[in-house]
Amino acid sequence: MQNNSDRPRAIPTKQAENDAFVVTRWDFAPGAETGRHVHEMDYVVVPLTTGTLTIEAADGQITQSPLTNGVSYARYAGVDHNVINDSDSPFSFIEIEKKTA
């Protein structure tokens, strides 16, 4: 992951991994970001808090992504983005990545 800004980094904590899945908790302080990265596996995100994250796509497009505690979503591998918590409150989610056989 790249971090080309002065923002603090979101904190990933790997919770579990086996032959099929990787489970990581992501904790974002206010203003924190993941840094630009490409997802190499299909994944599911389970928000642990409610709020809005800012998504910077690889093409420069910026979108606001409102998320609700417990309302999950799934994406395929290949997503290239930076995730930023531009709010004044901490934000957390669980990311479940599916390993390919």
N, C-alpha and C. Protein backbone atom coordinates (compact mmCIF):
# COMPACT_ATOMS: atom_id res chain seq x y z
N MET A 1 0.84 -1.19 0.00
CA MET A 1 0.00 0.00 0.00
C MET A 1 0.87 1.24 0.00
N GLN A 2 0.40 2.24 -0.66
CA GLN A 2 1.13 3.50 -0.73
C GLN A 2 0.48 4.52 0.19
N ASN A 3 1.28 5.41 0.73
CA ASN A 3 0.76 6.52 1.52
C ASN A 3 1.53 7.76 1.10
N ASN A 4 0.93 8.54 0.21
CA ASN A 4 1.59 9.73 -0.32
C ASN A 4 1.04 10.99 0.32
N SER A 5 0.43 10.89 1.47
CA SER A 5 -0.15 12.06 2.11
C SER A 5 0.35 12.15 3.55
N ASP A 6 -0.10 13.20 4.22
CA ASP A 6 0.26 13.38 5.62
C ASP A 6 -0.78 12.78 6.55
N ARG A 7 -1.74 12.05 5.98
CA ARG A 7 -2.78 11.44 6.81
C ARG A 7 -2.21 10.28 7.62
N PRO A 8 -2.78 10.05 8.81
CA PRO A 8 -2.38 8.84 9.56
C PRO A 8 -2.87 7.59 8.83
N ARG A 9 -2.28 6.47 9.13
CA ARG A 9 -2.66 5.21 8.50
C ARG A 9 -3.75 4.50 9.30
N ALA A 10 -4.68 3.88 8.57
CA ALA A 10 -5.64 2.98 9.20
C ALA A 10 -4.85 1.77 9.72
N ILE A 11 -5.35 1.14 10.77
CA ILE A 11 -4.63 0.03 11.40
C ILE A 11 -5.31 -1.29 11.07
N PRO A 12 -4.61 -2.16 10.30
CA PRO A 12 -5.16 -3.49 10.03
C PRO A 12 -4.70 -4.49 11.10
N THR A 13 -5.63 -5.31 11.58
CA THR A 13 -5.30 -6.35 12.54
C THR A 13 -5.84 -7.67 11.99
N LYS A 14 -4.95 -8.56 11.58
CA LYS A 14 -5.38 -9.84 11.07
C LYS A 14 -5.97 -10.66 12.22
N GLN A 15 -7.21 -11.10 12.05
CA GLN A 15 -7.89 -11.84 13.11
C GLN A 15 -7.86 -13.35 12.87
N ALA A 16 -7.86 -13.75 11.60
CA ALA A 16 -7.87 -15.18 11.29
C ALA A 16 -7.39 -15.39 9.86
N GLU A 17 -6.81 -16.56 9.63
CA GLU A 17 -6.43 -16.95 8.27
C GLU A 17 -6.37 -18.45 8.20
N ASN A 18 -6.92 -18.99 7.10
CA ASN A 18 -6.80 -20.42 6.83
C ASN A 18 -6.62 -20.59 5.32
N ASP A 19 -6.82 -21.80 4.82
CA ASP A 19 -6.61 -22.05 3.40
C ASP A 19 -7.61 -21.33 2.51
N ALA A 20 -8.74 -20.91 3.08
CA ALA A 20 -9.82 -20.33 2.27
C ALA A 20 -10.01 -18.83 2.46
N PHE A 21 -9.72 -18.29 3.66
CA PHE A 21 -10.06 -16.90 3.97
C PHE A 21 -8.97 -16.19 4.77
N VAL A 22 -8.96 -14.86 4.63
CA VAL A 22 -8.19 -13.98 5.50
C VAL A 22 -9.19 -12.98 6.09
N VAL A 23 -9.20 -12.86 7.42
CA VAL A 23 -10.12 -11.95 8.10
C VAL A 23 -9.29 -10.86 8.79
N THR A 24 -9.55 -9.60 8.41
CA THR A 24 -8.79 -8.47 8.95
C THR A 24 -9.75 -7.42 9.48
N ARG A 25 -9.47 -6.93 10.67
CA ARG A 25 -10.21 -5.79 11.21
C ARG A 25 -9.43 -4.53 10.84
N TRP A 26 -10.14 -3.52 10.30
CA TRP A 26 -9.54 -2.23 9.96
C TRP A 26 -10.11 -1.17 10.89
N ASP A 27 -9.21 -0.42 11.56
CA ASP A 27 -9.61 0.67 12.45
C ASP A 27 -9.04 1.98 11.92
N PHE A 28 -9.94 2.93 11.71
CA PHE A 28 -9.59 4.24 11.17
C PHE A 28 -9.81 5.31 12.23
N ALA A 29 -8.77 5.99 12.63
CA ALA A 29 -8.93 7.20 13.43
C ALA A 29 -9.50 8.28 12.51
N PRO A 30 -10.04 9.36 13.04
CA PRO A 30 -10.48 10.45 12.17
C PRO A 30 -9.31 10.90 11.27
N GLY A 31 -9.57 10.98 9.97
CA GLY A 31 -8.55 11.40 9.01
C GLY A 31 -7.65 10.30 8.50
N ALA A 32 -7.75 9.09 9.02
CA ALA A 32 -6.85 8.00 8.62
C ALA A 32 -7.22 7.43 7.26
N GLU A 33 -6.24 6.82 6.60
CA GLU A 33 -6.43 6.22 5.30
C GLU A 33 -5.72 4.88 5.22
N THR A 34 -6.15 4.07 4.23
CA THR A 34 -5.46 2.80 3.99
C THR A 34 -4.21 2.99 3.16
N GLY A 35 -4.20 4.02 2.32
CA GLY A 35 -3.19 4.13 1.28
C GLY A 35 -3.72 3.40 0.06
N ARG A 36 -3.28 3.83 -1.11
CA ARG A 36 -3.77 3.20 -2.35
C ARG A 36 -3.31 1.75 -2.40
N HIS A 37 -4.25 0.88 -2.76
CA HIS A 37 -3.96 -0.55 -2.83
C HIS A 37 -4.91 -1.22 -3.82
N VAL A 38 -4.51 -2.41 -4.28
CA VAL A 38 -5.33 -3.21 -5.19
C VAL A 38 -5.70 -4.50 -4.47
N HIS A 39 -6.97 -4.81 -4.46
CA HIS A 39 -7.42 -6.06 -3.84
C HIS A 39 -7.10 -7.23 -4.76
N GLU A 40 -6.33 -8.17 -4.25
CA GLU A 40 -5.93 -9.33 -5.02
C GLU A 40 -6.90 -10.50 -4.87
N MET A 41 -7.86 -10.37 -3.93
CA MET A 41 -8.85 -11.42 -3.68
C MET A 41 -10.24 -10.80 -3.65
N ASP A 42 -11.27 -11.61 -3.97
CA ASP A 42 -12.64 -11.18 -3.74
C ASP A 42 -12.79 -10.93 -2.24
N TYR A 43 -13.66 -9.98 -1.86
CA TYR A 43 -13.76 -9.67 -0.44
C TYR A 43 -15.15 -9.19 -0.05
N VAL A 44 -15.42 -9.33 1.24
CA VAL A 44 -16.65 -8.85 1.86
C VAL A 44 -16.24 -7.90 2.97
N VAL A 45 -16.96 -6.77 3.09
CA VAL A 45 -16.73 -5.82 4.17
C VAL A 45 -17.95 -5.81 5.08
N VAL A 46 -17.71 -5.92 6.38
CA VAL A 46 -18.77 -5.88 7.39
C VAL A 46 -18.49 -4.67 8.28
N PRO A 47 -19.22 -3.55 8.08
CA PRO A 47 -19.00 -2.37 8.92
C PRO A 47 -19.34 -2.65 10.39
N LEU A 48 -18.49 -2.15 11.27
CA LEU A 48 -18.73 -2.26 12.72
C LEU A 48 -19.27 -0.96 13.29
N THR A 49 -19.23 0.09 12.50
CA THR A 49 -19.75 1.39 12.88
C THR A 49 -20.55 1.95 11.70
N THR A 50 -21.26 3.01 11.96
CA THR A 50 -22.01 3.69 10.91
C THR A 50 -21.34 5.02 10.61
N GLY A 51 -21.18 5.32 9.33
CA GLY A 51 -20.55 6.56 8.93
C GLY A 51 -20.29 6.56 7.44
N THR A 52 -19.53 7.55 7.00
CA THR A 52 -19.22 7.69 5.58
C THR A 52 -17.71 7.69 5.39
N LEU A 53 -17.24 6.85 4.48
CA LEU A 53 -15.84 6.82 4.11
C LEU A 53 -15.68 7.45 2.74
N THR A 54 -14.53 8.06 2.50
CA THR A 54 -14.21 8.63 1.20
C THR A 54 -13.37 7.62 0.44
N ILE A 55 -13.74 7.38 -0.81
CA ILE A 55 -13.01 6.44 -1.65
C ILE A 55 -12.35 7.20 -2.79
N GLU A 56 -11.03 7.08 -2.89
CA GLU A 56 -10.27 7.65 -4.01
C GLU A 56 -9.93 6.52 -4.95
N ALA A 57 -10.55 6.49 -6.12
CA ALA A 57 -10.28 5.45 -7.11
C ALA A 57 -8.96 5.72 -7.82
N ALA A 58 -8.44 4.69 -8.48
CA ALA A 58 -7.16 4.81 -9.19
C ALA A 58 -7.22 5.86 -10.29
N ASP A 59 -8.41 6.09 -10.87
CA ASP A 59 -8.56 7.08 -11.94
C ASP A 59 -8.75 8.50 -11.41
N GLY A 60 -8.67 8.66 -10.07
CA GLY A 60 -8.80 9.98 -9.47
C GLY A 60 -10.21 10.32 -9.02
N GLN A 61 -11.19 9.49 -9.39
CA GLN A 61 -12.56 9.75 -8.97
C GLN A 61 -12.69 9.61 -7.46
N ILE A 62 -13.38 10.56 -6.84
CA ILE A 62 -13.60 10.54 -5.40
C ILE A 62 -15.09 10.40 -5.15
N THR A 63 -15.45 9.41 -4.32
CA THR A 63 -16.86 9.20 -3.97
C THR A 63 -17.00 9.06 -2.46
N GLN A 64 -18.19 9.35 -1.99
CA GLN A 64 -18.53 9.17 -0.59
C GLN A 64 -19.28 7.85 -0.46
N SER A 65 -18.88 7.02 0.47
CA SER A 65 -19.49 5.71 0.64
C SER A 65 -20.12 5.62 2.04
N PRO A 66 -21.44 5.86 2.14
CA PRO A 66 -22.11 5.73 3.44
C PRO A 66 -22.24 4.26 3.81
N LEU A 67 -21.82 3.91 5.01
CA LEU A 67 -21.88 2.54 5.50
C LEU A 67 -22.66 2.48 6.80
N THR A 68 -23.35 1.36 6.99
CA THR A 68 -24.17 1.16 8.18
C THR A 68 -23.68 -0.06 8.94
N ASN A 69 -23.57 0.06 10.24
CA ASN A 69 -23.14 -1.02 11.11
C ASN A 69 -23.91 -2.30 10.77
N GLY A 70 -23.18 -3.37 10.45
CA GLY A 70 -23.78 -4.66 10.19
C GLY A 70 -24.32 -4.89 8.79
N VAL A 71 -24.30 -3.86 7.92
CA VAL A 71 -24.80 -4.01 6.55
C VAL A 71 -23.59 -4.24 5.64
N SER A 72 -23.40 -5.48 5.25
CA SER A 72 -22.21 -5.90 4.51
C SER A 72 -22.34 -5.65 3.01
N TYR A 73 -21.19 -5.63 2.33
CA TYR A 73 -21.16 -5.60 0.87
C TYR A 73 -19.98 -6.43 0.38
N ALA A 74 -20.04 -6.84 -0.89
CA ALA A 74 -18.99 -7.68 -1.47
C ALA A 74 -18.46 -7.05 -2.75
N ARG A 75 -17.18 -7.28 -3.02
CA ARG A 75 -16.53 -6.79 -4.24
C ARG A 75 -15.61 -7.89 -4.78
N TYR A 76 -15.39 -7.85 -6.09
CA TYR A 76 -14.47 -8.78 -6.71
C TYR A 76 -13.05 -8.26 -6.64
N ALA A 77 -12.09 -9.15 -6.80
CA ALA A 77 -10.68 -8.78 -6.85
C ALA A 77 -10.46 -7.76 -7.96
N GLY A 78 -9.42 -6.95 -7.79
CA GLY A 78 -9.06 -5.96 -8.80
C GLY A 78 -9.38 -4.53 -8.43
N VAL A 79 -10.15 -4.33 -7.36
CA VAL A 79 -10.48 -2.97 -6.94
C VAL A 79 -9.20 -2.26 -6.54
N ASP A 80 -8.99 -1.06 -7.09
CA ASP A 80 -7.79 -0.26 -6.85
C ASP A 80 -8.24 1.07 -6.26
N HIS A 81 -7.93 1.31 -4.99
CA HIS A 81 -8.43 2.52 -4.34
C HIS A 81 -7.67 2.85 -3.06
N ASN A 82 -8.00 4.00 -2.50
CA ASN A 82 -7.57 4.43 -1.17
C ASN A 82 -8.85 4.72 -0.40
N VAL A 83 -8.91 4.26 0.85
CA VAL A 83 -10.09 4.47 1.69
C VAL A 83 -9.70 5.44 2.80
N ILE A 84 -10.51 6.50 2.98
CA ILE A 84 -10.19 7.57 3.93
C ILE A 84 -11.38 7.80 4.86
N ASN A 85 -11.09 7.96 6.13
CA ASN A 85 -12.12 8.35 7.09
C ASN A 85 -12.01 9.87 7.29
N ASP A 86 -12.81 10.62 6.52
CA ASP A 86 -12.78 12.08 6.62
C ASP A 86 -13.68 12.62 7.74
N SER A 87 -14.25 11.74 8.54
CA SER A 87 -15.16 12.19 9.60
C SER A 87 -14.39 12.54 10.87
N ASP A 88 -15.13 13.03 11.85
CA ASP A 88 -14.55 13.38 13.15
C ASP A 88 -14.61 12.23 14.14
N SER A 89 -15.14 11.08 13.70
CA SER A 89 -15.30 9.92 14.58
C SER A 89 -14.51 8.73 14.04
N PRO A 90 -14.07 7.84 14.92
CA PRO A 90 -13.39 6.63 14.46
C PRO A 90 -14.35 5.77 13.64
N PHE A 91 -13.79 4.93 12.76
CA PHE A 91 -14.60 4.02 11.96
C PHE A 91 -13.88 2.68 11.90
N SER A 92 -14.64 1.58 11.94
CA SER A 92 -14.05 0.24 11.88
C SER A 92 -14.89 -0.68 11.01
N PHE A 93 -14.19 -1.62 10.35
CA PHE A 93 -14.90 -2.67 9.63
C PHE A 93 -14.06 -3.94 9.62
N ILE A 94 -14.74 -5.06 9.37
CA ILE A 94 -14.10 -6.34 9.17
C ILE A 94 -14.06 -6.61 7.67
N GLU A 95 -12.90 -7.03 7.17
CA GLU A 95 -12.75 -7.39 5.76
C GLU A 95 -12.45 -8.89 5.71
N ILE A 96 -13.25 -9.60 4.92
CA ILE A 96 -13.08 -11.04 4.74
C ILE A 96 -12.70 -11.29 3.29
N GLU A 97 -11.46 -11.73 3.08
CA GLU A 97 -10.95 -11.97 1.74
C GLU A 97 -10.98 -13.47 1.45
N LYS A 98 -11.45 -13.83 0.25
CA LYS A 98 -11.56 -15.22 -0.17
C LYS A 98 -10.34 -15.59 -1.01
N LYS A 99 -9.59 -16.53 -0.53
CA LYS A 99 -8.42 -17.02 -1.28
C LYS A 99 -8.91 -17.87 -2.45
N THR A 100 -8.21 -17.81 -3.57
CA THR A 100 -8.57 -18.64 -4.71
C THR A 100 -7.85 -19.97 -4.61
N ALA A 101 -8.44 -20.98 -5.16
CA ALA A 101 -7.85 -22.34 -5.08
C ALA A 101 -6.75 -22.51 -6.10
